[in-house]
Amino acid sequence: MRASKKAAVLLISAVMVLASFSLVSAQSVVVDHVDGLNAGGGIDDGAVLTFYMRLTGDATPHYVISNGFRVYGDGLEWGGMTGTLNPAYKWDLSFGFPCFFDLGMFINYFADGVGADTIGFGGAAGMYGTGLPAGFDDIGYWFTIGPVHGPQGAVLTVDSSFYRPAGRWVWDIVEANVAWGGPYTYMLGEEPVCPEVITYLEQDPIILKDLADRVLRVYVECEDNAGVDLSSVVVQGKIPPYTAARIEGDLLVTDVFIFRFLSAWRPISADVQGTYSVGYSVNGEFKTLYGDMNLQVYAGDLNFDGIEDVNDITFLVDYMFKGGKAPMLEEALDVNRDGYNDIRDLRAIVEIVY
């Protein structure tokens, strides 16, 4: 079912408790983008806003998910809230079989006084559900509010929330194991004022999936884009963009091929934390910004699809005994991280998968 308030399910309650979390996990829920904002990223009076939530999983399926969101702002009001599950996926039996959550995927709504609304998304798999698939990385659901009205300068905030009796911002009932990218704030009537120029990546941490096509998108926010010489943009000081630098809305954007970064990290034997730089000329002055970059490596993921499974065992067997192709990163062959490529790595990957 797409939306329900049935009391028989563990996800339902009339009490909402606000709880904000920082980005502490490779699994995350973030606002991917918002429809209805003005060109400056603010809110025009009467706007209808839709917040698209990206769910990024890890190498294992998740059989219970419970995430909620609270929208609030002093002096602001809106006509209501509606939630929608991405119809590209079979969330529960109402979408067809097989499905993610055969016990149900639920959308629940709660009010917390004037100017505040909360919405919860939760699902549970039983004997026949697959759970949220391993490696899931897409828009899972979205919610819409509006029309939004209030005084100029009022700030609308979207933050994390959870509700009893499920009780936690969790997947698989593990305390706070899913990171939240917020809180996110949006100003009514006026364009938000940027406190400083910053750079960030499309995804952090970076999970090495589909390396042959993996491109990192680099963003610069709060810059005077009218004064930027787009032909001057470089990443890591000497690495040219994968595609031409450009302006998208109020952001300076460029793309870089992931392998240009990997050379600085070799050999890759574990998760890596580091920094990157992006430089460009603005109003005749060359500026360099620095941002955080984290690489997550799965020890048994030889085909780099973001999942450790039987396909990786087959890949290693083909390589060792049938003259199959080598992985795109040679370090992946050393599954047990002992410095050698031998039969013990095959045993190690079998233990990881099974």
Protein backbone atom coordinates (compact mmCIF):
# COMPACT_ATOMS: atom_id res chain seq x y z
CA MET A 1 0.00 0.00 0.00
CA ARG A 2 1.25 3.45 -0.82
CA ALA A 3 -0.10 5.39 2.14
CA SER A 4 -1.58 4.00 5.36
CA LYS A 5 -2.28 4.78 8.99
CA LYS A 6 -3.07 1.24 10.13
CA ALA A 7 -2.24 0.75 13.79
CA ALA A 8 -1.21 -2.88 13.31
CA VAL A 9 2.15 -2.06 11.76
CA LEU A 10 5.30 -1.37 13.76
CA LEU A 11 5.90 1.88 11.91
CA ILE A 12 2.82 3.81 13.06
CA SER A 13 2.27 6.26 15.92
CA ALA A 14 0.78 9.68 16.56
CA VAL A 15 3.94 10.97 18.23
CA MET A 16 6.80 12.45 16.21
CA VAL A 17 10.16 13.26 17.78
CA LEU A 18 12.69 15.49 16.05
CA ALA A 19 16.19 14.02 15.76
CA SER A 20 18.92 15.38 13.51
CA PHE A 21 21.92 13.27 12.50
CA SER A 22 25.18 14.16 10.79
CA LEU A 23 26.73 12.32 7.85
CA VAL A 24 28.43 9.46 9.68
CA SER A 25 27.65 6.45 7.55
CA ALA A 26 28.20 5.16 4.04
CA GLN A 27 24.43 4.61 4.00
CA SER A 28 22.60 7.86 3.66
CA VAL A 29 19.38 9.72 2.91
CA VAL A 30 19.82 13.16 1.37
CA VAL A 31 17.72 15.73 -0.46
CA ASP A 32 18.78 15.08 -4.04
CA HIS A 33 17.00 18.14 -5.47
CA VAL A 34 13.97 20.34 -4.93
CA ASP A 35 11.37 21.33 -7.52
CA GLY A 36 9.70 24.71 -7.12
CA LEU A 37 12.57 26.87 -5.84
CA ASN A 38 13.37 30.13 -7.61
CA ALA A 39 16.55 30.70 -9.63
CA GLY A 40 18.42 31.77 -6.50
CA GLY A 41 17.48 28.68 -4.54
CA GLY A 42 14.89 30.52 -2.44
CA ILE A 43 11.10 30.28 -2.17
CA ASP A 44 8.65 32.58 -3.94
CA ASP A 45 5.41 33.25 -2.09
CA GLY A 46 2.81 30.69 -3.18
CA ALA A 47 5.38 28.16 -4.40
CA VAL A 48 4.70 24.43 -4.30
CA LEU A 49 7.85 22.51 -3.32
CA THR A 50 8.75 18.87 -3.92
CA PHE A 51 11.70 17.35 -2.04
CA TYR A 52 13.28 14.31 -3.70
CA MET A 53 15.03 11.93 -1.30
CA ARG A 54 17.99 9.88 -2.50
CA LEU A 55 18.61 6.59 -0.67
CA THR A 56 22.17 5.26 -0.88
CA GLY A 57 22.71 1.77 0.49
CA ASP A 58 25.71 -0.47 0.98
CA ALA A 59 26.63 -3.99 -0.08
CA THR A 60 23.83 -5.69 1.87
CA PRO A 61 20.04 -5.65 1.52
CA HIS A 62 17.99 -4.01 4.28
CA TYR A 63 14.79 -5.67 5.41
CA VAL A 64 13.42 -2.85 7.57
CA ILE A 65 13.69 0.88 6.84
CA SER A 66 12.32 3.70 8.96
CA ASN A 67 12.99 7.34 8.06
CA GLY A 68 11.02 10.49 8.68
CA PHE A 69 11.21 14.22 7.93
CA ARG A 70 9.95 17.35 9.64
CA VAL A 71 9.24 20.63 7.85
CA TYR A 72 8.93 23.81 9.91
CA GLY A 73 9.42 27.58 9.83
CA ASP A 74 8.33 30.53 12.00
CA GLY A 75 5.52 32.51 10.38
CA LEU A 76 5.21 30.08 7.47
CA GLU A 77 2.20 28.04 6.44
CA TRP A 78 1.40 25.71 3.57
CA GLY A 79 -1.64 23.93 2.27
CA GLY A 80 -0.63 20.39 3.08
CA MET A 81 1.84 17.58 2.53
CA THR A 82 1.77 14.53 0.28
CA GLY A 83 4.31 11.72 -0.09
CA THR A 84 5.02 9.53 -3.10
CA LEU A 85 7.07 6.36 -3.58
CA ASN A 86 9.16 6.20 -6.75
CA PRO A 87 6.98 4.06 -9.04
CA ALA A 88 10.06 2.72 -10.82
CA TYR A 89 10.41 0.19 -7.99
CA LYS A 90 8.12 -2.48 -6.51
CA TRP A 91 8.00 -1.31 -2.90
CA ASP A 92 5.29 -3.66 -1.65
CA LEU A 93 2.69 -6.09 -2.92
CA SER A 94 0.47 -3.27 -4.19
CA PHE A 95 3.21 -2.62 -6.79
CA GLY A 96 3.48 -6.30 -7.78
CA PHE A 97 5.48 -9.39 -6.87
CA PRO A 98 8.36 -9.87 -6.13
CA CYS A 99 8.67 -6.71 -4.06
CA PHE A 100 10.97 -5.04 -1.53
CA PHE A 101 8.69 -5.09 1.52
CA ASP A 102 5.98 -7.75 1.46
CA LEU A 103 4.73 -6.72 4.92
CA GLY A 104 4.09 -3.25 3.55
CA MET A 105 5.67 0.07 2.63
CA PHE A 106 3.93 2.91 4.44
CA ILE A 107 3.69 6.68 4.25
CA ASN A 108 2.37 8.33 7.42
CA TYR A 109 1.57 11.96 8.15
CA PHE A 110 1.66 13.78 11.48
CA ALA A 111 1.10 17.41 12.53
CA ASP A 112 3.01 19.18 15.28
CA GLY A 113 1.28 22.53 15.72
CA VAL A 114 0.96 25.46 13.33
CA GLY A 115 3.74 25.71 10.76
CA ALA A 116 5.18 22.22 11.29
CA ASP A 117 4.48 18.96 9.51
CA THR A 118 6.12 15.56 9.64
CA ILE A 119 6.09 12.62 7.27
CA GLY A 120 7.38 9.10 7.77
CA PHE A 121 8.43 6.49 5.21
CA GLY A 122 8.85 2.92 6.44
CA GLY A 123 8.77 -0.64 5.18
CA ALA A 124 9.31 -4.17 6.45
CA ALA A 125 10.06 -7.41 4.65
CA GLY A 126 8.92 -10.82 5.82
CA MET A 127 9.32 -14.21 4.20
CA TYR A 128 8.82 -13.03 0.62
CA GLY A 129 10.29 -9.52 0.48
CA THR A 130 13.77 -8.82 -0.86
CA GLY A 131 14.30 -5.75 1.33
CA LEU A 132 15.92 -2.60 -0.02
CA PRO A 133 18.37 -4.15 -2.52
CA ALA A 134 22.11 -4.14 -1.93
CA GLY A 135 23.77 -1.25 -3.71
CA PHE A 136 20.54 0.78 -4.02
CA ASP A 137 21.36 4.37 -5.01
CA ASP A 138 18.43 6.32 -6.41
CA ILE A 139 15.49 8.56 -5.59
CA GLY A 140 13.39 6.41 -3.27
CA TYR A 141 10.52 8.76 -2.57
CA TRP A 142 9.53 12.40 -2.47
CA PHE A 143 7.12 14.65 -0.65
CA THR A 144 5.36 17.85 -1.68
CA ILE A 145 4.20 20.83 0.39
CA GLY A 146 2.45 24.01 -0.65
CA PRO A 147 1.48 26.52 -1.60
CA VAL A 148 3.92 28.13 0.85
CA HIS A 149 3.04 31.55 2.31
CA GLY A 150 4.78 33.78 4.82
CA PRO A 151 6.86 36.94 5.34
CA GLN A 152 9.94 37.70 3.28
CA GLY A 153 13.07 36.41 4.93
CA ALA A 154 11.31 33.59 6.79
CA VAL A 155 13.28 30.34 6.70
CA LEU A 156 11.80 26.93 5.88
CA THR A 157 13.74 23.99 7.36
CA VAL A 158 13.64 20.32 6.37
CA ASP A 159 15.18 18.03 8.98
CA SER A 160 15.24 14.38 10.00
CA SER A 161 12.59 12.94 12.29
CA PHE A 162 11.53 9.55 13.62
CA TYR A 163 8.40 8.15 15.16
CA ARG A 164 7.47 5.54 17.73
CA PRO A 165 7.08 2.59 18.08
CA ALA A 166 9.63 1.97 15.29
CA GLY A 167 11.40 4.71 17.17
CA ARG A 168 14.63 5.28 15.28
CA TRP A 169 16.14 6.69 12.11
CA VAL A 170 17.31 3.23 11.07
CA TRP A 171 17.63 0.47 8.56
CA ASP A 172 17.39 -3.05 10.02
CA ILE A 173 16.90 -1.73 13.59
CA VAL A 174 20.55 -0.68 13.99
CA GLU A 175 20.89 2.56 15.94
CA ALA A 176 21.58 5.62 13.74
CA ASN A 177 23.17 3.54 10.97
CA VAL A 178 21.78 5.75 8.20
CA ALA A 179 23.25 9.22 7.78
CA TRP A 180 21.14 12.31 7.10
CA GLY A 181 22.43 15.07 4.84
CA GLY A 182 20.46 17.88 6.51
CA PRO A 183 19.14 20.01 7.95
CA TYR A 184 18.32 21.91 4.75
CA THR A 185 17.14 25.53 4.87
CA TYR A 186 15.37 27.68 2.26
CA MET A 187 14.49 31.39 2.53
CA LEU A 188 11.15 32.87 1.47
CA GLY A 189 11.14 35.78 -0.94
CA GLU A 190 14.80 36.62 -0.73
CA GLU A 191 17.68 34.73 -2.24
CA PRO A 192 19.72 32.96 0.45
CA VAL A 193 22.95 34.71 1.41
CA CYS A 194 25.98 32.48 1.04
CA PRO A 195 28.28 32.68 4.06
CA GLU A 196 31.38 31.56 2.12
CA VAL A 197 32.50 29.97 -1.12
CA ILE A 198 32.71 26.20 -0.72
CA THR A 199 33.28 23.11 -2.86
CA TYR A 200 31.77 19.65 -2.47
CA LEU A 201 31.35 16.43 -4.43
CA GLU A 202 28.23 14.86 -5.89
CA GLN A 203 28.81 11.86 -3.63
CA ASP A 204 30.84 11.42 -0.47
CA PRO A 205 31.95 8.84 0.44
CA ILE A 206 32.66 7.61 -3.08
CA ILE A 207 31.76 3.97 -3.70
CA LEU A 208 33.65 2.43 -6.59
CA LYS A 209 30.83 1.23 -8.82
CA ASP A 210 30.99 0.86 -12.61
CA LEU A 211 34.48 2.33 -12.73
CA ALA A 212 34.69 2.35 -16.51
CA ASP A 213 32.11 5.13 -16.59
CA ARG A 214 32.62 6.64 -13.15
CA VAL A 215 32.74 10.41 -13.27
CA LEU A 216 32.93 12.64 -10.22
CA ARG A 217 30.89 15.83 -10.31
CA VAL A 218 32.54 18.72 -8.49
CA TYR A 219 30.45 21.67 -7.26
CA VAL A 220 31.41 25.19 -6.19
CA GLU A 221 28.73 27.12 -4.28
CA CYS A 222 28.37 30.83 -3.43
CA GLU A 223 30.87 32.02 -6.06
CA ASP A 224 30.48 35.09 -8.26
CA ASN A 225 29.78 32.95 -11.30
CA ALA A 226 29.55 35.93 -13.65
CA GLY A 227 33.25 36.60 -13.02
CA VAL A 228 34.47 33.00 -13.46
CA ASP A 229 36.63 32.12 -16.48
CA LEU A 230 35.24 28.65 -17.23
CA SER A 231 38.26 27.74 -19.38
CA SER A 232 40.53 28.14 -16.34
CA VAL A 233 38.89 25.48 -14.15
CA VAL A 234 41.20 22.65 -13.04
CA VAL A 235 40.90 19.95 -10.39
CA GLN A 236 43.86 18.80 -8.28
CA GLY A 237 45.88 21.64 -9.81
CA LYS A 238 46.89 19.70 -12.91
CA ILE A 239 43.87 17.58 -13.76
CA PRO A 240 41.67 19.05 -16.49
CA PRO A 241 37.89 18.60 -16.31
CA TYR A 242 36.38 15.48 -17.82
CA THR A 243 33.80 17.71 -19.48
CA ALA A 244 33.70 21.47 -19.89
CA ALA A 245 33.13 23.49 -16.73
CA ARG A 246 29.72 25.15 -16.70
CA ILE A 247 27.23 27.11 -14.63
CA GLU A 248 24.12 25.22 -13.47
CA GLY A 249 21.70 27.50 -11.63
CA ASP A 250 23.83 29.20 -8.98
CA LEU A 251 26.54 26.50 -8.97
CA LEU A 252 29.87 26.23 -10.77
CA VAL A 253 30.08 22.60 -11.94
CA THR A 254 32.75 20.44 -13.54
CA ASP A 255 33.26 16.70 -14.00
CA VAL A 256 36.41 14.64 -13.45
CA PHE A 257 37.13 11.04 -14.42
CA ILE A 258 37.59 8.98 -11.24
CA PHE A 259 40.78 7.28 -12.44
CA ARG A 260 42.55 10.66 -12.38
CA PHE A 261 42.16 10.61 -8.60
CA LEU A 262 42.98 6.95 -8.07
CA SER A 263 46.59 7.38 -9.18
CA ALA A 264 47.24 9.47 -6.07
CA TRP A 265 45.80 6.76 -3.82
CA ARG A 266 47.64 3.70 -5.18
CA PRO A 267 47.95 1.09 -3.88
CA ILE A 268 44.38 0.95 -2.68
CA SER A 269 44.10 -1.51 0.20
CA ALA A 270 41.39 0.03 2.37
CA ASP A 271 39.02 2.97 2.64
CA VAL A 272 40.80 6.24 1.93
CA GLN A 273 40.17 9.71 3.36
CA GLY A 274 41.75 12.75 1.78
CA THR A 275 41.20 16.12 0.19
CA TYR A 276 40.85 17.45 -3.32
CA SER A 277 41.27 20.90 -4.81
CA VAL A 278 39.49 22.88 -7.50
CA GLY A 279 41.01 26.03 -8.94
CA TYR A 280 39.75 28.73 -11.31
CA SER A 281 40.10 32.39 -12.21
CA VAL A 282 37.40 34.74 -10.96
CA ASN A 283 37.47 38.44 -11.82
CA GLY A 284 41.12 38.09 -12.86
CA GLU A 285 42.26 36.38 -9.65
CA PHE A 286 43.12 32.66 -9.47
CA LYS A 287 41.46 30.95 -6.51
CA THR A 288 41.93 27.43 -5.09
CA LEU A 289 39.37 25.69 -2.88
CA TYR A 290 39.76 22.44 -0.93
CA GLY A 291 37.17 19.81 -0.04
CA ASP A 292 36.94 16.41 1.64
CA MET A 293 37.07 13.21 -0.39
CA ASN A 294 36.50 9.71 0.97
CA LEU A 295 36.83 6.48 -1.01
CA GLN A 296 35.02 3.35 0.18
CA VAL A 297 36.44 0.00 -0.96
CA TYR A 298 34.72 -3.38 -0.67
CA ALA A 299 37.37 -6.07 -0.25
CA GLY A 300 35.57 -8.68 -2.39
CA ASP A 301 34.08 -6.46 -5.09
CA LEU A 302 36.25 -7.54 -8.05
CA ASN A 303 33.87 -6.47 -10.80
CA PHE A 304 33.24 -3.08 -9.13
CA ASP A 305 29.46 -3.13 -9.19
CA GLY A 306 29.23 -2.06 -5.55
CA ILE A 307 28.12 -5.51 -4.31
CA GLU A 308 30.11 -8.48 -3.00
CA ASP A 309 28.30 -11.52 -4.40
CA VAL A 310 28.65 -14.75 -6.35
CA ASN A 311 29.52 -12.79 -9.50
CA ASP A 312 32.77 -11.73 -7.82
CA ILE A 313 33.59 -15.36 -7.00
CA THR A 314 33.01 -16.28 -10.64
CA PHE A 315 35.15 -13.34 -11.73
CA LEU A 316 38.11 -14.50 -9.58
CA VAL A 317 37.76 -18.16 -10.62
CA ASP A 318 37.75 -17.15 -14.29
CA TYR A 319 40.84 -15.01 -13.76
CA MET A 320 42.80 -17.63 -11.81
CA PHE A 321 41.90 -20.78 -13.75
CA LYS A 322 40.41 -19.85 -17.13
CA GLY A 323 42.50 -16.94 -18.36
CA GLY A 324 39.75 -14.42 -17.62
CA LYS A 325 40.26 -10.70 -17.59
CA ALA A 326 41.88 -8.90 -14.68
CA PRO A 327 39.91 -6.38 -12.60
CA MET A 328 40.20 -2.69 -13.42
CA LEU A 329 42.23 -2.21 -10.24
CA GLU A 330 44.90 -4.86 -9.67
CA GLU A 331 44.70 -4.39 -5.88
CA ALA A 332 41.23 -5.95 -5.91
CA LEU A 333 42.82 -9.38 -6.46
CA ASP A 334 44.31 -9.23 -2.95
CA VAL A 335 40.98 -9.93 -1.25
CA ASN A 336 42.45 -10.87 2.15
CA ARG A 337 44.88 -7.91 2.05
CA ASP A 338 48.00 -10.00 2.82
CA GLY A 339 50.05 -8.60 -0.06
CA TYR A 340 49.76 -11.66 -2.32
CA ASN A 341 47.42 -12.86 -5.07
CA ASP A 342 46.80 -16.56 -4.51
CA ILE A 343 44.24 -19.24 -3.67
CA ARG A 344 43.78 -17.77 -0.19
CA ASP A 345 42.07 -14.80 -1.82
CA LEU A 346 39.51 -17.13 -3.38
CA ARG A 347 38.81 -18.64 0.02
CA ALA A 348 38.49 -15.15 1.51
CA ILE A 349 35.93 -13.99 -1.07
CA VAL A 350 33.84 -17.14 -0.55
CA GLU A 351 33.78 -16.37 3.19
CA ILE A 352 32.74 -12.77 2.50
CA VAL A 353 29.90 -13.75 0.18
CA TYR A 354 28.58 -16.70 2.17
